[in-house]
Protein backbone atom coordinates (compact mmCIF):
# COMPACT_ATOMS: atom_id res chain seq x y z
CA MET A 1 -24.73 -17.62 7.16
CA SER A 2 -26.07 -15.07 9.64
CA GLN A 3 -25.68 -11.42 8.75
CA LEU A 4 -22.86 -9.57 10.47
CA THR A 5 -23.42 -6.33 12.32
CA THR A 6 -21.66 -3.24 11.03
CA PRO A 7 -18.97 -3.30 13.76
CA GLU A 8 -18.38 -7.00 12.98
CA LEU A 9 -17.91 -6.20 9.30
CA PHE A 10 -14.93 -3.99 10.12
CA ASP A 11 -13.48 -6.22 12.85
CA MET A 12 -10.08 -7.59 11.79
CA SER A 13 -9.66 -9.92 14.77
CA GLY A 14 -8.16 -13.20 13.58
CA HIS A 15 -6.65 -11.61 10.49
CA VAL A 16 -2.92 -11.66 9.74
CA ALA A 17 -1.77 -8.79 7.54
CA VAL A 18 1.56 -8.21 5.81
CA ILE A 19 2.30 -4.58 4.91
CA THR A 20 5.35 -3.71 2.82
CA GLY A 21 7.02 -0.31 3.03
CA ALA A 22 5.68 -0.16 6.58
CA GLY A 23 8.55 1.61 8.32
CA ARG A 24 7.08 5.09 7.89
CA GLY A 25 4.47 7.16 6.10
CA ILE A 26 1.53 5.45 4.47
CA GLY A 27 2.72 1.92 5.26
CA GLU A 28 3.03 2.74 8.95
CA GLY A 29 -0.47 4.23 8.89
CA ILE A 30 -1.91 1.09 7.29
CA ALA A 31 -0.18 -1.21 9.78
CA LYS A 32 -1.46 0.76 12.77
CA SER A 33 -5.00 0.98 11.38
CA PHE A 34 -5.10 -2.79 10.88
CA SER A 35 -3.74 -3.39 14.38
CA GLU A 36 -6.28 -1.07 15.97
CA ALA A 37 -9.01 -3.05 14.20
CA GLY A 38 -7.70 -6.29 15.73
CA ALA A 39 -5.36 -7.76 13.13
CA SER A 40 -1.94 -9.22 13.80
CA VAL A 41 0.48 -7.37 11.55
CA VAL A 42 3.80 -8.11 9.89
CA VAL A 43 5.64 -4.91 9.02
CA ALA A 44 8.21 -5.13 6.25
CA ALA A 45 10.75 -2.75 4.73
CA ARG A 46 14.45 -2.55 3.96
CA ARG A 47 15.26 -0.28 6.91
CA THR A 48 15.31 -2.56 9.93
CA GLU A 49 15.39 0.21 12.53
CA GLU A 50 12.21 1.76 11.12
CA ILE A 51 10.09 -1.39 11.09
CA ASP A 52 11.42 -2.34 14.53
CA ARG A 53 10.10 1.00 15.82
CA VAL A 54 6.68 0.54 14.19
CA ALA A 55 6.33 -3.04 15.50
CA ALA A 56 7.39 -1.96 18.98
CA GLU A 57 4.84 0.88 19.04
CA ILE A 58 2.07 -1.50 17.95
CA ASN A 59 3.02 -4.05 20.60
CA GLU A 60 3.29 -1.39 23.29
CA SER A 61 -0.22 -0.18 22.46
CA GLY A 62 -1.68 -3.65 22.97
CA GLY A 63 -1.50 -4.98 19.43
CA SER A 64 0.59 -7.79 17.99
CA ALA A 65 3.29 -7.18 15.39
CA ILE A 66 6.58 -8.51 14.11
CA ALA A 67 9.12 -6.82 11.86
CA VAL A 68 10.71 -8.62 8.91
CA THR A 69 13.46 -6.84 6.98
CA THR A 70 12.57 -7.25 3.31
CA ASP A 71 13.67 -6.07 -0.12
CA VAL A 72 10.41 -6.34 -2.08
CA THR A 73 12.30 -6.67 -5.39
CA ASP A 74 13.97 -9.89 -4.18
CA ASP A 75 11.90 -13.06 -4.72
CA ASP A 76 13.62 -14.95 -1.92
CA ALA A 77 13.16 -12.09 0.54
CA VAL A 78 9.44 -11.88 -0.22
CA GLU A 79 9.11 -15.63 0.15
CA ASN A 80 10.80 -15.35 3.54
CA LEU A 81 8.37 -12.59 4.48
CA ALA A 82 5.35 -14.79 3.80
CA LYS A 83 6.88 -17.75 5.63
CA SER A 84 7.75 -15.55 8.61
CA ALA A 85 4.13 -14.39 8.86
CA ILE A 86 2.86 -17.96 8.86
CA ALA A 87 5.56 -19.17 11.28
CA GLU A 88 4.56 -16.46 13.77
CA TYR A 89 0.78 -16.36 13.33
CA GLY A 90 -0.16 -19.61 11.58
CA LYS A 91 -1.82 -18.09 8.52
CA LEU A 92 -1.96 -15.19 6.10
CA THR A 93 -5.17 -13.35 5.23
CA THR A 94 -4.16 -9.90 4.00
CA TRP A 95 -1.25 -8.57 1.96
CA VAL A 96 -0.69 -4.89 1.21
CA ASN A 97 1.82 -4.04 -1.54
CA ASN A 98 2.68 -0.54 -0.37
CA ALA A 99 6.45 -0.20 -0.94
CA GLY A 100 7.27 2.08 -3.85
CA GLY A 101 8.02 5.59 -5.03
CA SER A 102 10.50 7.48 -7.16
CA PRO A 103 12.38 10.61 -6.08
CA MET A 104 13.58 11.52 -9.58
CA ARG A 105 11.62 13.94 -11.78
CA MET A 106 12.62 14.64 -15.37
CA PRO A 107 11.35 14.11 -18.93
CA LEU A 108 11.51 10.51 -20.13
CA SER A 109 13.97 11.53 -22.85
CA ASP A 110 16.45 12.56 -20.14
CA LEU A 111 15.76 9.73 -17.69
CA PRO A 112 18.73 7.41 -17.04
CA ARG A 113 17.97 3.84 -18.06
CA GLU A 114 18.97 2.58 -14.62
CA GLU A 115 16.30 4.79 -13.00
CA TRP A 116 13.66 3.36 -15.34
CA ASP A 117 14.69 -0.17 -14.39
CA ARG A 118 14.82 0.66 -10.68
CA THR A 119 11.41 2.31 -10.70
CA VAL A 120 9.72 -0.52 -12.59
CA ALA A 121 11.32 -3.10 -10.29
CA LEU A 122 10.21 -1.29 -7.14
CA ASN A 123 6.76 -0.13 -8.22
CA LEU A 124 5.56 -2.84 -10.60
CA THR A 125 7.61 -6.03 -10.47
CA SER A 126 7.41 -6.00 -6.67
CA ILE A 127 3.59 -5.93 -6.93
CA TYR A 128 3.73 -9.04 -9.09
CA ILE A 129 6.16 -10.81 -6.75
CA GLY A 130 4.22 -9.88 -3.63
CA SER A 131 0.83 -10.79 -5.05
CA ILE A 132 1.85 -14.16 -6.44
CA THR A 133 3.67 -15.04 -3.22
CA ALA A 134 0.71 -13.99 -1.09
CA ALA A 135 -1.69 -16.02 -3.23
CA LYS A 136 0.46 -19.11 -2.78
CA TYR A 137 0.14 -18.96 1.01
CA MET A 138 -3.34 -17.46 1.32
CA THR A 139 -6.38 -19.74 1.41
CA LYS A 140 -8.91 -16.92 1.52
CA GLY A 141 -8.25 -13.23 1.88
CA SER A 142 -7.41 -9.90 0.32
CA ILE A 143 -4.53 -8.33 -1.59
CA ILE A 144 -4.36 -4.53 -1.74
CA ASN A 145 -2.02 -2.62 -4.05
CA ILE A 146 -1.09 0.99 -3.42
CA THR A 147 -1.21 2.72 -6.78
CA SER A 148 -1.39 6.39 -7.84
CA GLY A 149 -3.35 8.78 -9.97
CA ALA A 150 -0.12 8.98 -11.99
CA GLY A 151 -1.15 5.66 -13.53
CA SER A 152 -4.31 7.00 -15.13
CA GLY A 153 -3.14 10.00 -17.15
CA PRO A 154 -0.12 11.92 -18.44
CA VAL A 155 2.47 12.85 -15.81
CA PRO A 156 5.22 14.96 -17.43
CA GLY A 157 8.38 14.58 -15.39
CA SER A 158 7.28 11.30 -13.81
CA GLY A 159 6.50 9.13 -16.82
CA HIS A 160 8.54 6.23 -15.46
CA TYR A 161 6.57 6.26 -12.22
CA GLY A 162 3.25 6.72 -14.02
CA ALA A 163 3.96 3.78 -16.32
CA SER A 164 4.71 1.52 -13.37
CA LYS A 165 1.48 2.56 -11.64
CA ALA A 166 -0.54 2.01 -14.82
CA GLY A 167 0.93 -1.47 -14.79
CA THR A 168 -0.09 -1.82 -11.14
CA ASN A 169 -3.67 -0.98 -12.08
CA SER A 170 -3.61 -3.60 -14.83
CA LEU A 171 -2.19 -6.22 -12.50
CA THR A 172 -4.91 -5.42 -9.97
CA TRP A 173 -7.65 -6.00 -12.52
CA THR A 174 -6.15 -9.21 -13.91
CA LEU A 175 -5.26 -10.72 -10.55
CA SER A 176 -8.75 -9.96 -9.26
CA ALA A 177 -10.13 -12.12 -12.05
CA GLU A 178 -7.55 -14.88 -11.81
CA LEU A 179 -7.60 -15.24 -8.03
CA ALA A 180 -11.37 -15.04 -7.55
CA PRO A 181 -13.44 -16.15 -5.75
CA ASP A 182 -11.26 -16.86 -2.71
CA ILE A 183 -8.88 -13.91 -2.93
CA ARG A 184 -10.05 -10.36 -3.57
CA VAL A 185 -7.61 -7.90 -5.19
CA ASN A 186 -8.11 -4.14 -5.06
CA ALA A 187 -6.02 -0.98 -5.14
CA VAL A 188 -5.95 2.37 -3.35
CA ALA A 189 -4.73 5.52 -5.10
CA PRO A 190 -3.65 8.11 -2.52
CA GLY A 191 -3.78 11.80 -3.28
CA ALA A 192 -1.45 14.43 -1.80
CA ILE A 193 -0.05 13.04 1.43
CA PRO A 194 3.12 14.84 2.60
CA THR A 195 5.28 11.78 3.27
CA GLU A 196 9.05 11.88 2.98
CA VAL A 197 8.92 10.19 -0.44
CA MET A 198 6.34 12.59 -1.87
CA MET A 199 8.04 15.70 -0.52
CA LYS A 200 11.35 14.64 -2.03
CA ALA A 201 9.71 13.87 -5.36
CA ILE A 202 8.05 17.27 -5.68
CA GLY A 203 10.97 19.21 -4.21
CA LYS A 204 9.09 20.71 -1.27
CA ASP A 205 9.68 20.81 2.47
CA GLU A 206 7.41 20.92 5.52
CA ASN A 207 7.30 24.73 5.41
CA GLN A 208 5.59 24.59 2.00
CA LEU A 209 2.49 22.54 2.85
CA ASP A 210 0.19 25.49 2.18
CA GLU A 211 1.76 25.86 -1.27
CA ILE A 212 1.06 22.20 -2.02
CA LEU A 213 -2.56 22.60 -0.94
CA ASP A 214 -2.98 25.58 -3.24
CA GLU A 215 -1.23 23.92 -6.17
CA TRP A 216 -3.24 20.69 -5.91
CA ASN A 217 -6.55 22.57 -5.52
CA ILE A 218 -8.02 19.93 -3.20
CA PRO A 219 -11.80 20.41 -2.79
CA LEU A 220 -11.91 19.14 0.81
CA GLY A 221 -9.38 21.77 1.83
CA ARG A 222 -6.63 19.72 3.43
CA LEU A 223 -3.77 17.39 2.61
CA GLY A 224 -4.18 13.69 3.34
CA THR A 225 -2.74 11.63 6.18
CA PRO A 226 -1.47 8.05 6.40
CA GLN A 227 -4.54 7.26 8.50
CA ASP A 228 -6.78 8.26 5.58
CA ILE A 229 -5.17 5.52 3.50
CA GLY A 230 -5.13 3.11 6.44
CA ALA A 231 -8.89 3.49 6.79
CA ALA A 232 -9.46 2.84 3.08
CA CYS A 233 -7.27 -0.27 3.19
CA LEU A 234 -9.06 -1.45 6.33
CA TYR A 235 -12.36 -1.27 4.46
CA LEU A 236 -11.01 -3.23 1.49
CA ALA A 237 -9.43 -5.89 3.71
CA SER A 238 -12.46 -6.33 5.95
CA ASP A 239 -15.70 -8.25 5.50
CA ALA A 240 -17.32 -4.89 4.75
CA ALA A 241 -15.81 -5.22 1.26
CA SER A 242 -16.57 -8.91 0.80
CA TRP A 243 -18.29 -8.12 -2.53
CA VAL A 244 -15.59 -5.73 -3.76
CA SER A 245 -12.76 -6.85 -6.04
CA GLY A 246 -10.92 -5.42 -9.03
CA GLU A 247 -11.57 -1.85 -7.91
CA ILE A 248 -9.25 1.15 -7.65
CA LEU A 249 -10.31 3.43 -4.81
CA ARG A 250 -9.05 7.00 -5.06
CA VAL A 251 -8.52 8.66 -1.68
CA GLY A 252 -7.52 12.21 -2.50
CA GLY A 253 -9.76 14.85 -1.00
CA GLY A 254 -12.25 15.08 -3.85
CA ALA A 255 -12.19 15.43 -7.61
CA LYS A 256 -10.64 18.61 -8.95
CA ALA A 257 -12.80 21.03 -10.89
CA ARG A 258 -11.99 21.04 -14.59
């Protein structure tokens, strides 16, 4: 096989990418990054009006996108998502499990059982459902899971979320081994990106961004953007990462000084 040029390595033309949680924030950023690199994209989320807007903006900018309303905790809905992608574009090459989050912060001893179950279903079980479904319809391609630094250490007040993300990391490693060599599985761990979900979880508003920057002590001196995560996912989905699998890529503005 002839060696690709660097621009060819990052070219997503001919790829078909499903992105969950794509109606806003990080998921929207990933969908638009993939489209700008040439991929056809399928944007999925529970809020139909949000994914309709994202798909319309992609199409209006010269890309190709469809919106599929999806509850990622529902097996049948995820199956329909995969079938919709193939019905529209004829194949499936990339799947990004981005939907997730938890707005509730409290010690585990005070956490309502229903919030534990809801968080695990949304942030861990959905990764399993999405990945297994994608693998069933994907001949060769890439699965990317959006995880969190909360899954690699103690997170007082968000133990339920941290546990689900630790599980996401484990699933990423195991699936990368089980689905090789035809399907690569990696994860991206975003740092502080002031999306609606994050701001609600930490109890801050848009007027407190400087406070967040100070509290997080980010070496590169700024908060992240959805495009930062979109670029990382683009790398992992592209031929540039054809020898990368089972990795967790932290995108968070640098390691904090200890």
